[in-house]
């Protein structure tokens, strides 16, 4: 699944150039000419990354970044600042309010794409199109194929997204609610027990490979993906 990038830029020529190059690189794009329109977009659906111009009409990019970092729902969205400011103090100010990277204008499209790829790999690896392989389990986002020791695994779309997220966040425990937000979407309102159903389907698909026990239940906490043996007392095939 292609990463969704919100571009917040008030200069039309730069906006069109950035959008064109992002789409050529395979990203889904959304545009906003000011901070107010950006907030409308973000309130509707969270992007995977925001390219944010420093100098915007009305609310500045710095003010918008600060606002996003204070909000629990938006504080983890990766932000790359775009600006003509080259002074070290300005760069420090952008990074101190929570920007993940900083690109000065003019910039080359190749540099922009490279910076975006680097931030996504570091901050939101599930939004990257890079192949993930862990001890014979291989997931290729470019063609939505999953193989285990070179044998193809048939997964439904939700199980695929769930496995993709878990393989890019190994050894961390996620609650049902967190998985719903990160895999289904933060504006999807469904029962948390739905996660259990899809976890069971994912384990069943992996059962013949012997990798089903990598999807582990942590009692009263959530689920994790780990190739290390589960030494907890909880049954890894039961819900929380």
Protein backbone atom coordinates (compact mmCIF):
# COMPACT_ATOMS: atom_id res chain seq x y z
CA UNK A 1 0.00 0.00 0.00
CA UNK A 2 1.47 3.33 -1.10
CA UNK A 3 2.20 5.86 1.61
CA UNK A 4 -0.14 8.86 1.70
CA UNK A 5 1.69 12.19 1.81
CA UNK A 6 0.12 15.55 2.60
CA UNK A 7 1.90 18.48 0.92
CA UNK A 8 1.23 21.85 2.58
CA UNK A 9 2.64 24.55 0.30
CA UNK A 10 1.21 27.93 -0.78
CA UNK A 11 3.44 28.47 -3.84
CA UNK A 12 1.53 26.86 -6.72
CA UNK A 13 4.56 26.07 -8.88
CA UNK A 14 6.41 24.32 -6.06
CA UNK A 15 3.26 22.50 -4.99
CA UNK A 16 2.67 21.11 -8.49
CA UNK A 17 6.31 20.10 -8.88
CA UNK A 18 6.37 18.27 -5.55
CA UNK A 19 3.04 16.53 -6.20
CA UNK A 20 4.19 15.39 -9.66
CA UNK A 21 7.45 13.91 -8.35
CA UNK A 22 5.78 12.18 -5.41
CA UNK A 23 3.23 10.56 -7.71
CA UNK A 24 6.02 9.49 -10.07
CA UNK A 25 7.70 7.83 -7.08
CA UNK A 26 4.51 5.88 -6.35
CA UNK A 27 3.13 7.87 -3.42
CA UNK A 28 -0.50 8.86 -2.89
CA UNK A 29 -0.73 12.63 -2.47
CA UNK A 30 -3.03 15.19 -0.89
CA UNK A 31 -2.54 18.93 -1.19
CA UNK A 32 -3.31 21.92 0.99
CA UNK A 33 -2.41 25.55 0.34
CA UNK A 34 -2.51 26.63 3.99
CA UNK A 35 -2.57 25.31 7.53
CA UNK A 36 -6.34 25.61 7.89
CA UNK A 37 -6.97 23.38 4.85
CA UNK A 38 -4.30 20.99 6.09
CA UNK A 39 -6.14 20.58 9.39
CA UNK A 40 -9.37 19.75 7.54
CA UNK A 41 -7.53 17.02 5.62
CA UNK A 42 -5.83 15.67 8.75
CA UNK A 43 -9.09 15.64 10.73
CA UNK A 44 -10.64 13.52 7.99
CA UNK A 45 -7.80 11.00 7.62
CA UNK A 46 -4.25 10.82 8.92
CA UNK A 47 -1.50 10.98 6.28
CA UNK A 48 1.62 8.82 6.59
CA UNK A 49 3.87 11.88 6.28
CA UNK A 50 3.51 15.67 5.95
CA UNK A 51 5.69 17.92 3.78
CA UNK A 52 5.18 21.27 5.44
CA UNK A 53 6.25 24.69 4.17
CA UNK A 54 7.61 26.96 6.90
CA UNK A 55 6.14 30.22 5.52
CA UNK A 56 2.39 29.81 5.06
CA UNK A 57 -0.32 32.49 4.95
CA UNK A 58 -2.20 32.73 8.23
CA UNK A 59 -0.93 30.03 10.57
CA UNK A 60 2.76 29.34 9.84
CA UNK A 61 4.16 25.88 9.22
CA UNK A 62 6.00 26.02 12.53
CA UNK A 63 2.76 26.82 14.37
CA UNK A 64 0.97 23.98 12.60
CA UNK A 65 3.78 21.53 13.43
CA UNK A 66 3.66 22.60 17.06
CA UNK A 67 -0.12 22.11 17.12
CA UNK A 68 0.16 18.63 15.61
CA UNK A 69 2.83 17.58 18.10
CA UNK A 70 0.63 18.64 21.04
CA UNK A 71 -2.31 16.52 19.87
CA UNK A 72 -2.31 12.85 20.90
CA UNK A 73 -3.88 11.76 17.61
CA UNK A 74 -1.39 13.55 15.35
CA UNK A 75 1.79 13.73 17.41
CA UNK A 76 3.48 10.76 15.70
CA UNK A 77 2.89 11.84 12.07
CA UNK A 78 6.33 12.33 10.45
CA UNK A 79 6.92 15.95 9.36
CA UNK A 80 9.51 17.23 6.88
CA UNK A 81 9.84 21.02 6.81
CA UNK A 82 10.30 22.78 3.44
CA UNK A 83 11.81 26.25 3.67
CA UNK A 84 14.03 28.88 2.09
CA UNK A 85 15.54 29.63 5.50
CA UNK A 86 19.16 28.48 5.63
CA UNK A 87 20.36 29.83 9.00
CA UNK A 88 21.35 27.18 11.53
CA UNK A 89 19.08 28.72 14.16
CA UNK A 90 16.06 28.29 11.90
CA UNK A 91 16.90 24.63 11.26
CA UNK A 92 17.29 24.03 14.99
CA UNK A 93 13.96 25.74 15.67
CA UNK A 94 12.22 23.47 13.14
CA UNK A 95 13.73 20.33 14.61
CA UNK A 96 13.06 21.39 18.19
CA UNK A 97 9.32 21.69 17.60
CA UNK A 98 9.28 18.08 16.40
CA UNK A 99 10.06 18.07 12.67
CA UNK A 100 11.73 14.83 11.58
CA UNK A 101 13.77 16.43 8.79
CA UNK A 102 14.40 19.79 7.13
CA UNK A 103 14.90 20.55 3.41
CA UNK A 104 15.96 23.97 2.16
CA UNK A 105 14.72 25.43 -1.12
CA UNK A 106 15.68 24.99 -3.87
CA UNK A 107 15.95 21.22 -3.62
CA UNK A 108 16.19 18.46 -6.21
CA UNK A 109 13.34 15.96 -6.62
CA UNK A 110 15.82 13.12 -6.06
CA UNK A 111 16.89 14.59 -2.72
CA UNK A 112 13.26 15.08 -1.68
CA UNK A 113 12.30 11.47 -2.46
CA UNK A 114 15.43 10.17 -0.72
CA UNK A 115 14.64 12.18 2.42
CA UNK A 116 11.03 10.98 2.43
CA UNK A 117 12.11 7.36 2.03
CA UNK A 118 14.61 7.72 4.87
CA UNK A 119 12.06 9.24 7.26
CA UNK A 120 9.43 6.61 6.42
CA UNK A 121 11.93 3.79 6.97
CA UNK A 122 12.84 5.25 10.35
CA UNK A 123 9.50 6.54 11.63
CA UNK A 124 6.77 4.65 9.74
CA UNK A 125 8.31 1.53 8.17
CA UNK A 126 4.88 0.07 7.39
CA UNK A 127 4.38 2.93 4.89
CA UNK A 128 7.50 1.97 2.93
CA UNK A 129 7.45 -0.27 -0.14
CA UNK A 130 10.65 -2.06 0.89
CA UNK A 131 10.64 -5.85 1.09
CA UNK A 132 10.61 -7.18 4.66
CA UNK A 133 12.16 -10.57 5.40
CA UNK A 134 12.46 -12.23 8.80
CA UNK A 135 13.86 -15.76 9.06
CA UNK A 136 12.28 -17.03 5.85
CA UNK A 137 9.04 -15.05 6.13
CA UNK A 138 9.06 -12.54 3.27
CA UNK A 139 6.57 -9.76 2.58
CA UNK A 140 6.81 -7.77 -0.65
CA UNK A 141 4.62 -4.62 -0.62
CA UNK A 142 5.16 -3.96 -4.33
CA UNK A 143 3.07 -7.00 -5.30
CA UNK A 144 1.32 -7.83 -1.98
CA UNK A 145 2.94 -11.28 -1.88
CA UNK A 146 3.83 -13.12 1.30
CA UNK A 147 6.03 -16.21 1.20
CA UNK A 148 7.35 -18.50 3.91
CA UNK A 149 10.52 -20.34 2.93
CA UNK A 150 9.62 -19.53 -0.71
CA UNK A 151 6.10 -21.03 -0.42
CA UNK A 152 3.35 -18.51 -1.06
CA UNK A 153 0.96 -17.72 1.81
CA UNK A 154 -2.61 -16.77 0.88
CA UNK A 155 -3.79 -13.85 3.03
CA UNK A 156 -6.85 -11.64 2.92
CA UNK A 157 -6.25 -7.87 2.64
CA UNK A 158 -6.75 -7.21 6.36
CA UNK A 159 -4.49 -10.08 7.41
CA UNK A 160 -1.88 -8.80 4.95
CA UNK A 161 -1.98 -5.28 6.45
CA UNK A 162 -1.87 -6.71 9.97
CA UNK A 163 1.17 -8.86 9.17
CA UNK A 164 2.88 -5.94 7.39
CA UNK A 165 2.45 -3.72 10.44
CA UNK A 166 3.59 -6.39 12.89
CA UNK A 167 6.65 -7.35 10.83
CA UNK A 168 7.76 -3.71 10.76
CA UNK A 169 7.23 -3.32 14.53
CA UNK A 170 8.72 -6.51 15.93
CA UNK A 171 8.92 -7.32 19.65
CA UNK A 172 6.62 -4.45 20.64
CA UNK A 173 3.26 -5.07 22.28
CA UNK A 174 0.24 -3.35 20.71
CA UNK A 175 -3.22 -3.28 22.26
CA UNK A 176 -6.31 -4.04 20.20
CA UNK A 177 -7.13 -0.34 20.10
CA UNK A 178 -3.66 0.56 18.84
CA UNK A 179 -3.84 -2.09 16.14
CA UNK A 180 -7.25 -0.82 15.06
CA UNK A 181 -5.85 2.70 14.71
CA UNK A 182 -2.67 1.69 12.89
CA UNK A 183 -4.02 -1.11 10.65
CA UNK A 184 -7.71 -0.34 10.10
CA UNK A 185 -7.48 3.47 10.36
CA UNK A 186 -8.04 5.94 13.17
CA UNK A 187 -11.57 6.88 11.99
CA UNK A 188 -12.83 3.29 11.72
CA UNK A 189 -15.26 2.45 14.51
CA UNK A 190 -15.51 -1.30 14.94
CA UNK A 191 -15.41 -3.66 17.89
CA UNK A 192 -11.94 -4.32 19.32
CA UNK A 193 -12.71 -8.06 19.26
CA UNK A 194 -12.49 -7.79 15.46
CA UNK A 195 -8.72 -7.76 15.95
CA UNK A 196 -8.89 -11.20 17.60
CA UNK A 197 -10.74 -12.63 14.59
CA UNK A 198 -8.07 -11.44 12.17
CA UNK A 199 -5.23 -12.54 14.45
CA UNK A 200 -6.73 -16.06 14.42
CA UNK A 201 -6.99 -15.99 10.61
CA UNK A 202 -3.39 -14.82 10.32
CA UNK A 203 -2.16 -17.57 12.63
CA UNK A 204 -4.14 -20.17 10.70
CA UNK A 205 -2.57 -19.02 7.42
CA UNK A 206 0.90 -19.35 8.96
CA UNK A 207 0.21 -22.62 10.78
CA UNK A 208 1.64 -25.01 8.18
CA UNK A 209 4.87 -23.01 8.13
CA UNK A 210 5.38 -23.29 11.89
CA UNK A 211 5.54 -19.50 12.09
CA UNK A 212 2.10 -19.03 13.65
CA UNK A 213 3.61 -18.82 17.15
CA UNK A 214 5.46 -15.66 16.09
CA UNK A 215 2.11 -13.88 16.55
CA UNK A 216 2.06 -13.85 20.33
CA UNK A 217 -0.60 -12.85 22.82
CA UNK A 218 0.46 -10.85 25.87
CA UNK A 219 -2.34 -11.36 28.36
CA UNK A 220 -4.26 -8.20 29.29
CA UNK A 221 -1.94 -6.11 27.10
CA UNK A 222 -2.22 -7.02 23.42
CA UNK A 223 -0.31 -8.76 20.67
CA UNK A 224 3.27 -8.75 19.43
CA UNK A 225 5.27 -10.24 16.58
CA UNK A 226 8.42 -11.95 17.80
CA UNK A 227 10.56 -14.83 16.58
CA UNK A 228 11.80 -15.33 20.14
CA UNK A 229 10.01 -18.06 22.12
CA UNK A 230 6.99 -16.83 24.06
CA UNK A 231 7.88 -17.53 27.69
CA UNK A 232 4.74 -15.93 29.14
CA UNK A 233 2.07 -18.03 30.80
CA UNK A 234 -0.62 -16.87 28.36
CA UNK A 235 -1.79 -19.13 25.56
CA UNK A 236 -0.63 -17.51 22.30
CA UNK A 237 -3.71 -18.85 20.49
CA UNK A 238 -6.21 -17.15 22.76
CA UNK A 239 -7.46 -13.57 22.74
CA UNK A 240 -6.41 -11.04 25.34
